[in-house]
Amino acid sequence: MTTKRPPVVLVSGQLLTVECWAPQIAALSPDFDLRHADHGHDETIAGMAARLLAEAPERFDLVGHAMGGFVALEVLRQAPERVRSLALLATLASADGPAQTARRQGYIKLVEDGRFAEVVEERIPILVHPARREDEALLTVVRRMAVGPGAETFLRQQRAIMARIDSRPTLGDIPCPVLLLRGRQDGITTQDQQDEMMAGLTNARLETLEDCGHLPTLERPATVSQRLRAWLDEQG
């Protein structure tokens, strides 16, 4: 393993664990020092970012998926000088709108009523490509990752996401290069949101994965690994 590159910090999304990155860890760890951020105990996005910075090396490349992207954007607000490059997978910069807030409040009510398993199942159609909704191998991983963090972590994450600030006004302040990577059939983010982020960033590239939903690291593992390797190699 080379020791000249800064470490790479991976930040997972909601109800997703380090297992979400398993294909990339297998493909990239021989050449990169990969670290996984722990944010399961924090009540706010700002707290998650502060924990990441407290545990991370002095300088690093940052890769955030979904909610992990919200955390990554907050890291860039708190300590932009420490991040060499940023990759955002299946994420967005805006705060929740009324529809998103209403959906999250519905999830919270289900969990508080002891119906966490229903929430996990209800989320699957928006997480994966329509053609993968009967893929039991993939769905087994998704369900297993949800059981790990559990209902209480889910509630903390939902409330943190609902209270997050709008990152769009500060996108232009990000000093490092940025890669945006999104599945064409992502059920949570939209192309318009990606275009909006591109307009706000000063040094960014957008790449779209075909036949892929909100979980690109698992749905298109080899392609994501290849894109991340190429991106990190570009940074030197």
Protein backbone atom coordinates (compact mmCIF):
# COMPACT_ATOMS: atom_id res chain seq x y z
CA MET A 1 0.00 0.00 0.00
CA THR A 2 1.27 3.44 -0.86
CA THR A 3 1.81 5.74 2.10
CA LYS A 4 2.02 8.94 0.06
CA ARG A 5 -1.71 9.42 -0.44
CA PRO A 6 -3.86 10.91 2.31
CA PRO A 7 -6.36 8.49 3.83
CA VAL A 8 -9.86 8.27 2.37
CA VAL A 9 -12.76 8.72 4.79
CA LEU A 10 -16.03 7.01 3.79
CA VAL A 11 -19.30 8.32 5.23
CA SER A 12 -22.39 6.12 4.98
CA GLY A 13 -26.00 7.08 4.50
CA GLN A 14 -29.00 6.50 6.71
CA LEU A 15 -29.40 2.94 8.03
CA LEU A 16 -26.31 2.01 6.04
CA THR A 17 -23.19 0.60 7.63
CA VAL A 18 -19.64 -0.01 6.46
CA GLU A 19 -21.07 -3.02 4.60
CA CYS A 20 -22.42 -0.56 2.05
CA TRP A 21 -18.81 0.05 1.04
CA ALA A 22 -17.70 -3.60 1.09
CA PRO A 23 -17.12 -3.87 -2.68
CA GLN A 24 -15.09 -0.65 -2.74
CA ILE A 25 -13.08 -1.66 0.32
CA ALA A 26 -12.23 -4.96 -1.34
CA ALA A 27 -11.26 -3.28 -4.60
CA LEU A 28 -9.45 -0.21 -3.29
CA SER A 29 -7.90 -1.10 0.07
CA PRO A 30 -4.74 -2.62 -1.48
CA ASP A 31 -3.87 0.86 -2.79
CA PHE A 32 -5.68 3.29 -0.48
CA ASP A 33 -5.94 3.80 3.27
CA LEU A 34 -9.73 3.64 3.73
CA ARG A 35 -11.41 4.76 6.97
CA HIS A 36 -15.14 4.57 7.82
CA ALA A 37 -16.73 7.39 9.82
CA ASP A 38 -18.88 6.50 12.83
CA HIS A 39 -21.95 8.73 13.12
CA GLY A 40 -24.51 6.44 14.73
CA HIS A 41 -24.60 8.19 18.11
CA ASP A 42 -24.92 11.83 17.08
CA GLU A 43 -28.09 13.91 17.21
CA THR A 44 -27.24 16.45 14.50
CA ILE A 45 -25.46 16.64 11.17
CA ALA A 46 -23.07 19.16 12.71
CA GLY A 47 -22.32 16.69 15.50
CA MET A 48 -21.65 13.92 13.00
CA ALA A 49 -19.23 16.17 11.14
CA ALA A 50 -17.47 17.22 14.33
CA ARG A 51 -17.01 13.57 15.35
CA LEU A 52 -15.62 12.74 11.90
CA LEU A 53 -13.11 15.58 12.14
CA ALA A 54 -12.08 14.58 15.65
CA GLU A 55 -11.36 11.03 14.52
CA ALA A 56 -9.98 11.70 11.04
CA PRO A 57 -6.36 12.33 10.07
CA GLU A 58 -5.19 15.90 9.56
CA ARG A 59 -5.81 15.80 5.80
CA PHE A 60 -7.91 13.34 3.84
CA ASP A 61 -10.08 12.65 0.81
CA LEU A 62 -13.77 12.50 1.69
CA VAL A 63 -16.45 10.29 0.13
CA GLY A 64 -20.04 10.67 1.34
CA HIS A 65 -23.11 8.71 0.30
CA ALA A 66 -26.66 10.07 0.76
CA MET A 67 -26.92 11.30 4.38
CA GLY A 68 -23.15 10.88 4.46
CA GLY A 69 -23.07 13.60 1.82
CA PHE A 70 -24.90 15.94 4.19
CA VAL A 71 -22.23 15.20 6.76
CA ALA A 72 -19.47 15.73 4.19
CA LEU A 73 -20.84 19.14 3.23
CA GLU A 74 -20.89 20.11 6.90
CA VAL A 75 -17.27 18.93 7.24
CA LEU A 76 -16.38 21.34 4.43
CA ARG A 77 -18.03 24.16 6.37
CA GLN A 78 -16.26 23.31 9.62
CA ALA A 79 -12.76 22.53 8.31
CA PRO A 80 -12.41 23.04 4.54
CA GLU A 81 -8.62 23.12 4.74
CA ARG A 82 -8.48 19.48 5.85
CA VAL A 83 -10.27 17.97 2.84
CA ARG A 84 -8.16 17.36 -0.26
CA SER A 85 -11.05 16.21 -2.47
CA LEU A 86 -14.74 15.44 -2.08
CA ALA A 87 -16.90 12.79 -3.75
CA LEU A 88 -20.66 12.91 -3.18
CA LEU A 89 -22.68 9.85 -4.11
CA ALA A 90 -26.48 9.98 -4.42
CA THR A 91 -26.78 13.12 -2.35
CA LEU A 92 -28.13 16.66 -2.56
CA ALA A 93 -27.40 20.06 -1.05
CA SER A 94 -30.85 21.46 -0.28
CA ALA A 95 -32.72 21.13 2.99
CA ASP A 96 -35.91 19.07 3.16
CA GLY A 97 -39.05 20.48 1.62
CA PRO A 98 -42.55 19.93 3.04
CA ALA A 99 -43.05 16.60 1.22
CA GLN A 100 -39.77 15.16 2.48
CA THR A 101 -40.46 16.34 6.02
CA ALA A 102 -43.93 14.79 5.96
CA ARG A 103 -42.51 11.47 4.77
CA ARG A 104 -39.89 11.46 7.51
CA GLN A 105 -42.47 12.32 10.17
CA GLY A 106 -44.50 9.38 8.96
CA TYR A 107 -41.48 7.12 9.36
CA ILE A 108 -40.89 8.46 12.87
CA LYS A 109 -44.50 7.74 13.82
CA LEU A 110 -44.22 4.16 12.54
CA VAL A 111 -41.02 3.58 14.51
CA GLU A 112 -42.50 5.07 17.66
CA ASP A 113 -45.43 2.69 17.21
CA GLY A 114 -43.02 -0.26 17.15
CA ARG A 115 -43.19 -0.78 13.38
CA PHE A 116 -39.56 -0.26 12.44
CA ALA A 117 -39.54 -3.38 10.24
CA GLU A 118 -42.29 -1.82 8.13
CA VAL A 119 -40.21 1.30 7.62
CA VAL A 120 -37.30 -0.79 6.35
CA GLU A 121 -39.54 -2.52 3.82
CA GLU A 122 -41.30 0.68 2.77
CA ARG A 123 -37.98 2.33 1.95
CA ILE A 124 -36.74 -0.41 -0.38
CA PRO A 125 -38.61 0.77 -3.52
CA ILE A 126 -36.98 4.21 -3.33
CA LEU A 127 -33.54 2.80 -2.54
CA VAL A 128 -32.94 0.39 -5.40
CA HIS A 129 -33.46 0.30 -9.15
CA PRO A 130 -36.89 -1.12 -10.11
CA ALA A 131 -35.23 -4.14 -11.72
CA ARG A 132 -33.47 -4.99 -8.45
CA ARG A 133 -36.51 -5.01 -6.16
CA GLU A 134 -36.68 -8.80 -6.34
CA ASP A 135 -32.92 -9.25 -5.99
CA GLU A 136 -32.85 -11.15 -2.73
CA ALA A 137 -29.06 -11.02 -2.39
CA LEU A 138 -29.10 -7.23 -2.55
CA LEU A 139 -32.19 -6.86 -0.36
CA THR A 140 -30.70 -9.17 2.26
CA VAL A 141 -27.74 -6.79 2.58
CA VAL A 142 -30.05 -3.75 2.77
CA ARG A 143 -32.15 -5.37 5.51
CA ARG A 144 -29.11 -6.56 7.45
CA MET A 145 -27.60 -3.07 7.43
CA ALA A 146 -30.85 -1.61 8.77
CA VAL A 147 -31.03 -4.09 11.64
CA GLY A 148 -27.49 -3.19 12.72
CA PRO A 149 -28.09 0.50 13.54
CA GLY A 150 -31.66 -0.23 14.63
CA ALA A 151 -34.71 1.89 15.38
CA GLU A 152 -33.17 4.34 17.85
CA THR A 153 -30.32 5.23 15.49
CA PHE A 154 -32.83 5.63 12.68
CA LEU A 155 -34.81 8.12 14.77
CA ARG A 156 -31.68 10.13 15.56
CA GLN A 157 -30.70 10.15 11.90
CA GLN A 158 -34.17 11.18 10.72
CA ARG A 159 -34.31 14.10 13.12
CA ALA A 160 -30.80 15.18 12.21
CA ILE A 161 -31.66 15.08 8.51
CA MET A 162 -34.89 17.00 9.03
CA ALA A 163 -33.03 19.74 10.89
CA ARG A 164 -30.09 20.04 8.49
CA ILE A 165 -29.32 23.41 6.96
CA ASP A 166 -29.47 24.25 3.28
CA SER A 167 -25.96 23.73 1.90
CA ARG A 168 -26.60 25.42 -1.46
CA PRO A 169 -25.48 28.91 -0.36
CA THR A 170 -22.05 27.61 0.70
CA LEU A 171 -21.29 25.32 -2.24
CA GLY A 172 -19.19 28.03 -3.86
CA ASP A 173 -16.98 28.17 -0.77
CA ILE A 174 -15.78 24.58 -1.19
CA PRO A 175 -12.12 24.92 -2.19
CA CYS A 176 -11.39 21.33 -3.24
CA PRO A 177 -12.39 19.45 -6.40
CA VAL A 178 -15.76 17.67 -6.18
CA LEU A 179 -17.11 14.57 -7.90
CA LEU A 180 -20.88 14.07 -8.03
CA LEU A 181 -21.92 10.49 -8.75
CA ARG A 182 -25.58 9.50 -9.09
CA GLY A 183 -27.65 6.60 -10.39
CA ARG A 184 -29.97 7.53 -13.24
CA GLN A 185 -32.95 5.88 -11.48
CA ASP A 186 -32.22 7.20 -7.98
CA GLY A 187 -35.57 7.40 -6.20
CA ILE A 188 -34.45 10.07 -3.72
CA THR A 189 -32.24 12.54 -5.60
CA THR A 190 -33.07 14.12 -8.96
CA GLN A 191 -31.13 15.28 -11.98
CA ASP A 192 -32.29 18.84 -11.34
CA GLN A 193 -30.74 18.71 -7.88
CA GLN A 194 -27.45 17.54 -9.35
CA ASP A 195 -27.52 20.30 -11.94
CA GLU A 196 -28.22 22.83 -9.19
CA MET A 197 -25.20 21.61 -7.24
CA MET A 198 -23.03 21.77 -10.33
CA ALA A 199 -24.09 25.39 -10.84
CA GLY A 200 -23.10 26.26 -7.28
CA LEU A 201 -19.74 24.48 -7.18
CA THR A 202 -16.62 26.03 -8.67
CA ASN A 203 -14.63 22.87 -9.45
CA ALA A 204 -16.89 19.88 -9.97
CA ARG A 205 -17.72 17.02 -12.29
CA LEU A 206 -20.98 15.09 -12.54
CA GLU A 207 -21.10 11.44 -13.59
CA THR A 208 -24.32 9.46 -13.99
CA LEU A 209 -24.57 5.68 -13.62
CA GLU A 210 -27.08 3.98 -15.87
CA ASP A 211 -29.50 1.34 -14.54
CA CYS A 212 -28.77 2.32 -10.94
CA GLY A 213 -30.81 3.56 -8.00
CA HIS A 214 -29.90 5.19 -4.68
CA LEU A 215 -27.37 2.53 -3.63
CA PRO A 216 -24.68 2.77 -6.30
CA THR A 217 -21.94 1.20 -4.16
CA LEU A 218 -23.96 -2.03 -4.07
CA GLU A 219 -25.97 -1.82 -7.29
CA ARG A 220 -23.00 -0.93 -9.52
CA PRO A 221 -20.07 -1.91 -7.29
CA ALA A 222 -17.41 -2.45 -9.94
CA THR A 223 -18.27 0.78 -11.74
CA VAL A 224 -18.28 2.83 -8.54
CA SER A 225 -14.95 1.33 -7.49
CA GLN A 226 -13.48 2.18 -10.88
CA ARG A 227 -14.83 5.75 -10.81
CA LEU A 228 -13.55 6.34 -7.28
CA ARG A 229 -10.14 4.90 -8.14
CA ALA A 230 -9.87 7.16 -11.16
CA TRP A 231 -11.01 10.16 -9.12
CA LEU A 232 -8.53 9.53 -6.32
CA ASP A 233 -5.73 8.89 -8.81
CA GLU A 234 -6.46 12.29 -10.35
CA GLN A 235 -5.76 13.91 -7.00
CA GLY A 236 -2.22 12.54 -7.05
